[in-house]
Amino acid sequence: MPPEVIAAYASALAVVGNPSSIHSQGQNAKRMLEEAREQVAASVGADSVEVTFTGGGTEAVNLGIKGLWWARVSHPPTGSGTATRRGRILVPMGEHHATIDAIEWLEKHEGAVIDWIPIDALGRIDLVALEHALGDDVAFVTVLSANNEVGTLQPVAEIAALAARHGVPVHVDAIAEYGYVPIDFHALGVAALSISAHKIGGPVGVGALVIARSTTIVPLLHGGNQQRARSGTQDVAGAVAFGLAARAATADIEGHAARLRDLRDRLVAGIRTAVPSAVLRGDPSADGRLPGNAHFTFPGCEGDSLLFLLDVAGFSVSTGSACQAGVPEASHVLTAMGLSEADARGALRMTLGSHTTSGEVDALVAALPDAVARAARAGLAEHAPTFGR
């Protein structure tokens, strides 16, 4: 969090008053809250009435997905009779687990039918397959605007246009993209869009679901109707910090993105030279992926081994894979892109931020060959045959 956001957050925490109260202190808090809502709305090209604050990105995704589901299944298509039920959800493979877990919950508890739409070797949705899957019985489409692991950007406007021909709403998880790629909610033509403050220098535990005026969302939380699709006393301080961070992150978003692209390209070129066997994953084009994302697989290495070795060297990276009971699992994103589990294991996601320097990029590149060599040796030892007496 930038110092000015921390200062605004701390100052707002000292403000007394529930924004739903009609006394002067409450109305002062409401003024601060609504100013923040306007800032967040402006950062994504929306109206303030379309912004519902949530307790983070995961809640925003769950509200968008479950809220759309309940709204759609309770209103069958006009003229379809009782036989048609909007029971299908269209989801690209390789989505974030906030989406996967939410739709699988709907599948288990609400009878939803999940249609997994394939993605290509770059991680981009198959639009032909999506078009073939669309129909009157589809509740909605949900899609990441930018893959959080490999960084590939999705053609959200095209997805929304295809869905609109069938009257199907689209929910977009824009959390990874927010603050790095310009977002124009109205131009996209989607029903709902999830964002989070912590991705842009705001506090953890504050997010928002942007809901189009024409969209109905059934709330997850009931008890006061403080917001259009969410009950509960609103977090004024969190909203204030979110609003300030949103304004700062989008004030010069093109310049910020250009700087990150330069650093990213320096990192990619450096890794390819230092470790020729490394394979860049995701869209390799300059504008086809998140500006601060570089994702590689390193043959013969375990991603976790590389992560720990680089952590010791002073660099925080991610494998992008889940780990259950101490057993590393291959990334579901990479396997959806066609990689074998063995090839997907040696994955590292490296992301750059507003304070990353070219010197830090060069230092990571310099540290990588030794880490890769040591990780490869560890992998050989782990998979070496053993002989009993």
Protein backbone atom coordinates (compact mmCIF):
# COMPACT_ATOMS: atom_id res chain seq x y z
CA MET A 1 0.00 0.00 0.00
CA PRO A 2 1.42 3.43 -0.94
CA PRO A 3 2.02 5.76 2.02
CA GLU A 4 -0.81 8.10 0.96
CA VAL A 5 -3.29 5.21 0.88
CA ILE A 6 -2.18 4.02 4.32
CA ALA A 7 -2.55 7.57 5.65
CA ALA A 8 -6.06 7.93 4.20
CA TYR A 9 -7.00 4.51 5.56
CA ALA A 10 -5.79 5.34 9.06
CA SER A 11 -7.53 8.72 9.00
CA ALA A 12 -10.82 7.16 7.87
CA LEU A 13 -10.62 4.54 10.62
CA ALA A 14 -10.88 7.37 13.14
CA VAL A 15 -14.15 8.66 11.67
CA VAL A 16 -17.17 7.95 13.87
CA GLY A 17 -20.53 7.20 12.30
CA ASN A 18 -22.45 4.47 10.53
CA PRO A 19 -23.02 5.59 6.90
CA SER A 20 -26.60 4.32 7.12
CA SER A 21 -27.40 6.63 10.05
CA ILE A 22 -29.17 9.95 9.44
CA HIS A 23 -27.35 11.99 12.11
CA SER A 24 -24.53 14.31 11.05
CA GLN A 25 -21.73 11.89 11.89
CA GLY A 26 -23.43 9.15 9.89
CA GLN A 27 -23.97 11.47 6.95
CA ASN A 28 -20.31 12.50 7.02
CA ALA A 29 -19.32 8.84 6.85
CA LYS A 30 -21.80 8.33 4.00
CA ARG A 31 -20.28 11.23 2.07
CA MET A 32 -16.83 9.66 2.37
CA LEU A 33 -18.22 6.27 1.33
CA GLU A 34 -20.01 7.59 -1.74
CA GLU A 35 -17.01 9.64 -2.86
CA ALA A 36 -14.97 6.44 -2.71
CA ARG A 37 -17.65 4.58 -4.64
CA GLU A 38 -17.47 7.23 -7.36
CA GLN A 39 -13.68 6.85 -7.56
CA VAL A 40 -13.90 3.07 -7.90
CA ALA A 41 -16.66 3.39 -10.51
CA ALA A 42 -14.61 5.88 -12.54
CA SER A 43 -11.62 3.53 -12.51
CA VAL A 44 -13.57 0.91 -14.51
CA GLY A 45 -15.84 3.13 -16.61
CA ALA A 46 -18.98 2.48 -14.56
CA ASP A 47 -21.55 4.55 -12.68
CA SER A 48 -21.33 4.74 -8.90
CA VAL A 49 -24.76 3.12 -8.49
CA GLU A 50 -23.34 0.05 -10.23
CA VAL A 51 -20.62 -0.51 -7.59
CA THR A 52 -21.37 -2.85 -4.70
CA PHE A 53 -18.53 -3.05 -2.18
CA THR A 54 -17.64 -6.53 -0.90
CA GLY A 55 -15.26 -8.10 1.57
CA GLY A 56 -12.70 -8.85 -1.15
CA GLY A 57 -12.32 -10.35 -4.60
CA THR A 58 -13.45 -13.85 -3.67
CA GLU A 59 -16.73 -12.55 -2.27
CA ALA A 60 -17.22 -10.43 -5.38
CA VAL A 61 -16.75 -13.49 -7.60
CA ASN A 62 -19.11 -15.59 -5.47
CA LEU A 63 -21.73 -12.84 -5.45
CA GLY A 64 -21.49 -12.44 -9.22
CA ILE A 65 -21.68 -16.17 -9.95
CA LYS A 66 -24.22 -17.32 -7.36
CA GLY A 67 -26.24 -14.12 -7.59
CA LEU A 68 -26.58 -14.47 -11.37
CA TRP A 69 -27.41 -18.16 -11.04
CA TRP A 70 -30.25 -17.63 -8.57
CA ALA A 71 -31.63 -14.72 -10.55
CA ARG A 72 -31.59 -16.63 -13.84
CA VAL A 73 -32.93 -20.01 -12.71
CA SER A 74 -35.86 -18.36 -10.98
CA HIS A 75 -36.95 -16.71 -14.26
CA PRO A 76 -37.17 -19.17 -17.19
CA PRO A 77 -36.83 -17.77 -20.72
CA THR A 78 -39.91 -15.87 -21.92
CA GLY A 79 -42.24 -18.11 -23.91
CA SER A 80 -40.17 -21.21 -23.22
CA GLY A 81 -42.71 -22.90 -21.00
CA THR A 82 -41.77 -24.80 -17.89
CA ALA A 83 -39.60 -27.36 -19.69
CA THR A 84 -36.67 -25.04 -20.29
CA ARG A 85 -34.50 -24.32 -17.29
CA ARG A 86 -31.47 -22.11 -17.39
CA GLY A 87 -29.36 -24.78 -15.79
CA ARG A 88 -26.07 -24.60 -17.68
CA ILE A 89 -23.05 -22.48 -16.79
CA LEU A 90 -20.36 -21.91 -19.43
CA VAL A 91 -16.85 -21.66 -18.00
CA PRO A 92 -13.46 -21.70 -19.75
CA MET A 93 -11.00 -24.23 -18.44
CA GLY A 94 -8.13 -22.81 -16.37
CA GLU A 95 -10.18 -20.35 -14.31
CA HIS A 96 -9.27 -19.11 -10.83
CA HIS A 97 -10.33 -21.35 -7.94
CA ALA A 98 -12.72 -18.67 -6.66
CA THR A 99 -14.73 -19.35 -9.81
CA ILE A 100 -14.14 -23.11 -9.95
CA ASP A 101 -15.14 -23.70 -6.34
CA ALA A 102 -18.21 -21.45 -6.64
CA ILE A 103 -19.60 -23.16 -9.75
CA GLU A 104 -18.80 -26.63 -8.44
CA TRP A 105 -20.75 -25.71 -5.29
CA LEU A 106 -23.68 -24.77 -7.53
CA GLU A 107 -23.27 -28.06 -9.36
CA LYS A 108 -23.33 -30.06 -6.13
CA HIS A 109 -26.00 -28.17 -4.21
CA GLU A 110 -28.15 -26.41 -6.84
CA GLY A 111 -28.12 -28.82 -9.76
CA ALA A 112 -26.11 -26.65 -12.11
CA VAL A 113 -24.61 -28.25 -15.21
CA ILE A 114 -21.09 -27.02 -15.95
CA ASP A 115 -19.95 -26.83 -19.56
CA TRP A 116 -16.18 -26.47 -19.62
CA ILE A 117 -15.09 -24.47 -22.67
CA PRO A 118 -11.62 -25.43 -23.93
CA ILE A 119 -8.69 -23.03 -24.05
CA ASP A 120 -5.82 -23.14 -26.53
CA ALA A 121 -2.10 -23.62 -25.98
CA LEU A 122 -1.76 -19.93 -25.06
CA GLY A 123 -4.54 -20.09 -22.49
CA ARG A 124 -7.13 -18.27 -24.60
CA ILE A 125 -10.76 -19.37 -24.84
CA ASP A 126 -12.02 -21.21 -27.93
CA LEU A 127 -14.66 -18.79 -29.22
CA VAL A 128 -16.05 -21.32 -31.69
CA ALA A 129 -16.66 -23.82 -28.90
CA LEU A 130 -18.25 -21.08 -26.80
CA GLU A 131 -20.60 -20.09 -29.61
CA HIS A 132 -21.66 -23.69 -30.12
CA ALA A 133 -22.37 -24.09 -26.40
CA LEU A 134 -24.57 -20.99 -26.09
CA GLY A 135 -28.34 -21.44 -25.96
CA ASP A 136 -31.56 -20.51 -24.18
CA ASP A 137 -30.82 -22.95 -21.37
CA VAL A 138 -27.57 -21.18 -20.37
CA ALA A 139 -27.71 -19.30 -17.08
CA PHE A 140 -24.58 -17.25 -17.69
CA VAL A 141 -20.97 -17.24 -18.83
CA THR A 142 -18.15 -16.50 -16.39
CA VAL A 143 -14.60 -15.77 -17.50
CA LEU A 144 -11.28 -14.38 -16.29
CA SER A 145 -10.37 -11.28 -18.26
CA ALA A 146 -6.70 -12.13 -17.67
CA ASN A 147 -5.44 -15.50 -16.52
CA ASN A 148 -3.92 -15.08 -13.07
CA GLU A 149 -1.19 -17.67 -13.74
CA VAL A 150 0.03 -17.34 -17.33
CA GLY A 151 -1.20 -13.77 -17.85
CA THR A 152 -3.06 -14.32 -21.14
CA LEU A 153 -5.74 -11.70 -21.85
CA GLN A 154 -9.16 -12.95 -22.93
CA PRO A 155 -11.31 -11.34 -25.67
CA VAL A 156 -13.99 -10.25 -23.20
CA ALA A 157 -15.82 -7.91 -25.58
CA GLU A 158 -16.12 -10.70 -28.17
CA ILE A 159 -17.30 -13.15 -25.52
CA ALA A 160 -19.94 -10.68 -24.34
CA ALA A 161 -21.10 -10.01 -27.91
CA LEU A 162 -21.51 -13.73 -28.61
CA ALA A 163 -23.43 -14.26 -25.37
CA ALA A 164 -25.66 -11.23 -26.00
CA ARG A 165 -26.97 -12.82 -29.22
CA HIS A 166 -28.53 -15.49 -27.01
CA GLY A 167 -29.54 -13.15 -24.21
CA VAL A 168 -26.96 -14.68 -21.89
CA PRO A 169 -25.26 -12.46 -19.27
CA VAL A 170 -21.51 -12.56 -18.66
CA HIS A 171 -19.66 -12.27 -15.37
CA VAL A 172 -16.01 -11.21 -15.61
CA ASP A 173 -13.35 -11.84 -13.00
CA ALA A 174 -11.13 -8.82 -13.71
CA ILE A 175 -9.15 -9.01 -10.48
CA ALA A 176 -5.80 -9.89 -12.08
CA GLU A 177 -6.25 -7.31 -14.85
CA TYR A 178 -7.48 -4.41 -12.72
CA GLY A 179 -5.02 -1.53 -12.55
CA TYR A 180 -2.80 -2.95 -15.32
CA VAL A 181 -5.09 -2.92 -18.37
CA PRO A 182 -7.76 -0.24 -18.97
CA ILE A 183 -11.30 -1.46 -18.23
CA ASP A 184 -14.45 0.15 -19.67
CA PHE A 185 -17.37 -1.64 -18.06
CA HIS A 186 -20.03 -0.03 -20.22
CA ALA A 187 -18.14 -0.65 -23.46
CA LEU A 188 -17.63 -4.33 -22.60
CA GLY A 189 -21.36 -4.92 -22.29
CA VAL A 190 -21.07 -7.47 -19.47
CA ALA A 191 -23.54 -8.04 -16.65
CA ALA A 192 -21.12 -8.01 -13.73
CA LEU A 193 -17.41 -7.54 -13.10
CA SER A 194 -15.35 -8.43 -10.02
CA ILE A 195 -12.39 -6.39 -8.78
CA SER A 196 -10.29 -6.22 -5.60
CA ALA A 197 -8.46 -3.42 -3.80
CA HIS A 198 -5.41 -5.43 -2.77
CA LYS A 199 -4.27 -5.86 -6.39
CA ILE A 200 -3.83 -2.10 -6.85
CA GLY A 201 -2.30 -0.98 -3.57
CA GLY A 202 -5.46 -0.91 -1.49
CA PRO A 203 -6.17 -2.90 1.67
CA VAL A 204 -6.82 -6.62 1.81
CA GLY A 205 -10.45 -7.51 2.51
CA VAL A 206 -12.09 -4.91 0.27
CA GLY A 207 -13.42 -5.59 -3.21
CA ALA A 208 -16.34 -4.74 -5.42
CA LEU A 209 -18.82 -6.31 -7.79
CA VAL A 210 -19.75 -3.91 -10.57
CA ILE A 211 -23.34 -4.74 -11.57
CA ALA A 212 -24.92 -3.32 -14.72
CA ARG A 213 -28.10 -1.34 -14.12
CA SER A 214 -30.09 -3.85 -16.17
CA THR A 215 -28.76 -6.88 -14.27
CA THR A 216 -30.50 -8.61 -11.37
CA ILE A 217 -28.27 -10.18 -8.72
CA VAL A 218 -29.69 -12.17 -5.82
CA PRO A 219 -27.69 -11.28 -2.68
CA LEU A 220 -25.55 -13.73 -0.75
CA LEU A 221 -26.01 -11.72 2.46
CA HIS A 222 -29.33 -10.51 3.83
CA GLY A 223 -30.08 -8.15 6.67
CA GLY A 224 -30.41 -4.45 6.01
CA ASN A 225 -30.19 -3.87 2.25
CA GLN A 226 -27.44 -1.32 2.73
CA GLN A 227 -26.28 -1.91 -0.85
CA ARG A 228 -28.01 -2.99 -4.02
CA ALA A 229 -26.87 -6.63 -3.78
CA ARG A 230 -25.33 -6.87 -0.32
CA SER A 231 -26.44 -6.29 3.23
CA GLY A 232 -24.15 -5.36 6.10
CA THR A 233 -22.69 -2.23 7.65
CA GLN A 234 -20.33 -0.79 5.06
CA ASP A 235 -16.58 -0.48 5.58
CA VAL A 236 -16.04 3.25 5.12
CA ALA A 237 -12.30 3.19 5.80
CA GLY A 238 -11.74 0.28 3.43
CA ALA A 239 -13.76 2.01 0.73
CA VAL A 240 -11.84 5.28 1.17
CA ALA A 241 -8.51 3.48 0.80
CA PHE A 242 -9.86 1.49 -2.17
CA GLY A 243 -11.06 4.66 -3.88
CA LEU A 244 -7.75 6.46 -3.47
CA ALA A 245 -5.81 3.42 -4.68
CA ALA A 246 -8.16 3.08 -7.66
CA ARG A 247 -7.68 6.68 -8.67
CA ALA A 248 -3.88 6.40 -8.37
CA ALA A 249 -3.67 3.07 -10.22
CA THR A 250 -5.68 4.27 -13.21
CA ALA A 251 -4.50 7.90 -13.45
CA ASP A 252 -1.68 6.92 -15.84
CA ILE A 253 -2.49 3.30 -16.50
CA GLU A 254 -1.02 3.32 -20.01
CA GLY A 255 2.31 4.72 -18.78
CA HIS A 256 2.39 2.27 -15.88
CA ALA A 257 1.64 -0.63 -18.22
CA ALA A 258 4.33 0.46 -20.70
CA ARG A 259 6.94 0.58 -17.94
CA LEU A 260 5.97 -2.89 -16.74
CA ARG A 261 6.01 -4.29 -20.28
CA ASP A 262 9.56 -3.04 -20.72
CA LEU A 263 10.63 -4.69 -17.47
CA ARG A 264 8.75 -7.87 -18.32
CA ASP A 265 10.37 -8.09 -21.75
CA ARG A 266 13.77 -7.53 -20.14
CA LEU A 267 13.03 -10.38 -17.73
CA VAL A 268 11.78 -12.72 -20.47
CA ALA A 269 14.79 -12.05 -22.69
CA GLY A 270 17.15 -12.47 -19.75
CA ILE A 271 15.66 -15.81 -18.71
CA ARG A 272 15.75 -17.15 -22.26
CA THR A 273 19.45 -16.30 -22.46
CA ALA A 274 20.37 -17.51 -19.00
CA VAL A 275 18.31 -20.72 -19.15
CA PRO A 276 17.79 -21.66 -22.82
CA SER A 277 15.64 -24.67 -21.90
CA ALA A 278 13.03 -22.48 -20.17
CA VAL A 279 9.70 -22.22 -22.02
CA LEU A 280 7.56 -19.07 -21.86
CA ARG A 281 3.90 -19.92 -21.29
CA GLY A 282 0.88 -17.81 -22.17
CA ASP A 283 0.58 -15.35 -25.04
CA PRO A 284 4.10 -14.27 -26.08
CA SER A 285 2.94 -11.08 -27.81
CA ALA A 286 3.55 -7.74 -26.10
CA ASP A 287 -0.12 -6.84 -25.72
CA GLY A 288 -1.57 -10.34 -25.40
CA ARG A 289 -0.68 -10.82 -21.75
CA LEU A 290 -0.62 -8.86 -18.52
CA PRO A 291 2.18 -6.29 -18.68
CA GLY A 292 3.81 -7.44 -15.45
CA ASN A 293 3.49 -11.20 -15.92
CA ALA A 294 6.20 -13.67 -16.98
CA HIS A 295 5.41 -17.37 -16.68
CA PHE A 296 7.95 -20.08 -17.50
CA THR A 297 8.25 -23.81 -17.20
CA PHE A 298 11.69 -25.28 -16.50
CA PRO A 299 12.05 -28.87 -17.77
CA GLY A 300 13.46 -31.33 -15.25
CA CYS A 301 12.70 -29.09 -12.26
CA GLU A 302 9.98 -29.00 -9.64
CA GLY A 303 8.43 -25.57 -9.34
CA ASP A 304 8.41 -25.78 -5.54
CA SER A 305 12.16 -26.46 -5.48
CA LEU A 306 12.80 -23.41 -7.64
CA LEU A 307 10.50 -21.32 -5.46
CA PHE A 308 12.38 -22.21 -2.26
CA LEU A 309 15.82 -21.74 -3.82
CA LEU A 310 14.89 -18.31 -5.20
CA ASP A 311 13.25 -17.38 -1.90
CA VAL A 312 16.55 -18.03 -0.12
CA ALA A 313 18.22 -15.83 -2.73
CA GLY A 314 15.80 -13.00 -1.93
CA PHE A 315 13.16 -13.35 -4.64
CA SER A 316 9.46 -14.08 -4.06
CA VAL A 317 7.92 -16.01 -6.96
CA SER A 318 4.95 -18.33 -7.34
CA THR A 319 4.49 -21.79 -8.78
CA GLY A 320 0.87 -21.09 -9.60
CA SER A 321 -0.05 -24.58 -8.46
CA ALA A 322 -2.01 -25.90 -5.52
CA CYS A 323 -0.40 -28.03 -2.84
CA GLN A 324 -2.45 -30.48 -0.84
CA ALA A 325 -1.09 -32.53 2.06
CA GLY A 326 2.46 -31.62 1.06
CA VAL A 327 2.12 -33.20 -2.40
CA PRO A 328 2.65 -30.73 -5.25
CA GLU A 329 0.03 -30.81 -7.98
CA ALA A 330 0.44 -29.72 -11.57
CA SER A 331 -1.24 -26.44 -12.46
CA HIS A 332 -4.76 -26.98 -13.78
CA VAL A 333 -4.21 -23.99 -16.06
CA LEU A 334 -1.18 -25.55 -17.74
CA THR A 335 -2.81 -28.96 -18.14
CA ALA A 336 -5.86 -27.25 -19.68
CA MET A 337 -3.43 -25.64 -22.14
CA GLY A 338 -2.31 -29.11 -23.19
CA LEU A 339 0.80 -29.68 -21.07
CA SER A 340 1.44 -33.03 -19.48
CA GLU A 341 1.54 -33.14 -15.69
CA ALA A 342 5.29 -33.72 -15.84
CA ASP A 343 5.88 -30.65 -18.04
CA ALA A 344 3.55 -28.53 -15.91
CA ARG A 345 5.36 -29.24 -12.64
CA GLY A 346 8.39 -27.03 -13.31
CA ALA A 347 6.36 -23.82 -13.47
CA LEU A 348 7.18 -20.38 -12.09
CA ARG A 349 5.08 -17.24 -12.27
CA MET A 350 7.00 -13.99 -11.86
CA THR A 351 5.08 -10.75 -11.49
CA LEU A 352 6.38 -7.20 -11.47
CA GLY A 353 4.99 -4.26 -9.56
CA SER A 354 5.18 -0.49 -9.43
CA HIS A 355 8.38 -0.55 -7.37
CA THR A 356 10.23 -3.25 -9.32
CA THR A 357 13.51 -2.01 -10.80
CA SER A 358 15.61 -3.15 -13.74
CA GLY A 359 18.38 -3.96 -11.26
CA GLU A 360 16.08 -6.39 -9.44
CA VAL A 361 15.12 -8.01 -12.74
CA ASP A 362 18.79 -8.46 -13.65
CA ALA A 363 19.55 -9.88 -10.21
CA LEU A 364 16.80 -12.48 -10.59
CA VAL A 365 18.11 -13.47 -14.01
CA ALA A 366 21.61 -13.82 -12.53
CA ALA A 367 20.36 -16.01 -9.68
CA LEU A 368 18.21 -18.27 -11.85
CA PRO A 369 20.78 -20.57 -13.55
CA ASP A 370 22.19 -21.82 -10.24
CA ALA A 371 18.68 -22.35 -8.85
CA VAL A 372 17.65 -24.28 -11.96
CA ALA A 373 20.78 -26.46 -11.83
CA ARG A 374 20.23 -27.26 -8.15
CA ALA A 375 16.52 -27.92 -8.66
CA ALA A 376 17.29 -30.24 -11.57
CA ARG A 377 19.77 -32.21 -9.45
CA ALA A 378 17.17 -32.46 -6.69
CA GLY A 379 14.64 -33.73 -9.22
CA LEU A 380 17.01 -36.39 -10.50
CA ALA A 381 17.74 -37.56 -6.97
CA GLU A 382 14.05 -37.69 -6.10
CA HIS A 383 13.20 -39.83 -9.12
CA ALA A 384 16.28 -42.04 -9.04
CA PRO A 385 15.57 -45.79 -8.79
CA THR A 386 16.09 -47.48 -5.43
CA PHE A 387 17.21 -51.07 -4.92
CA GLY A 388 16.46 -53.27 -1.96
CA ARG A 389 18.95 -55.74 -0.49
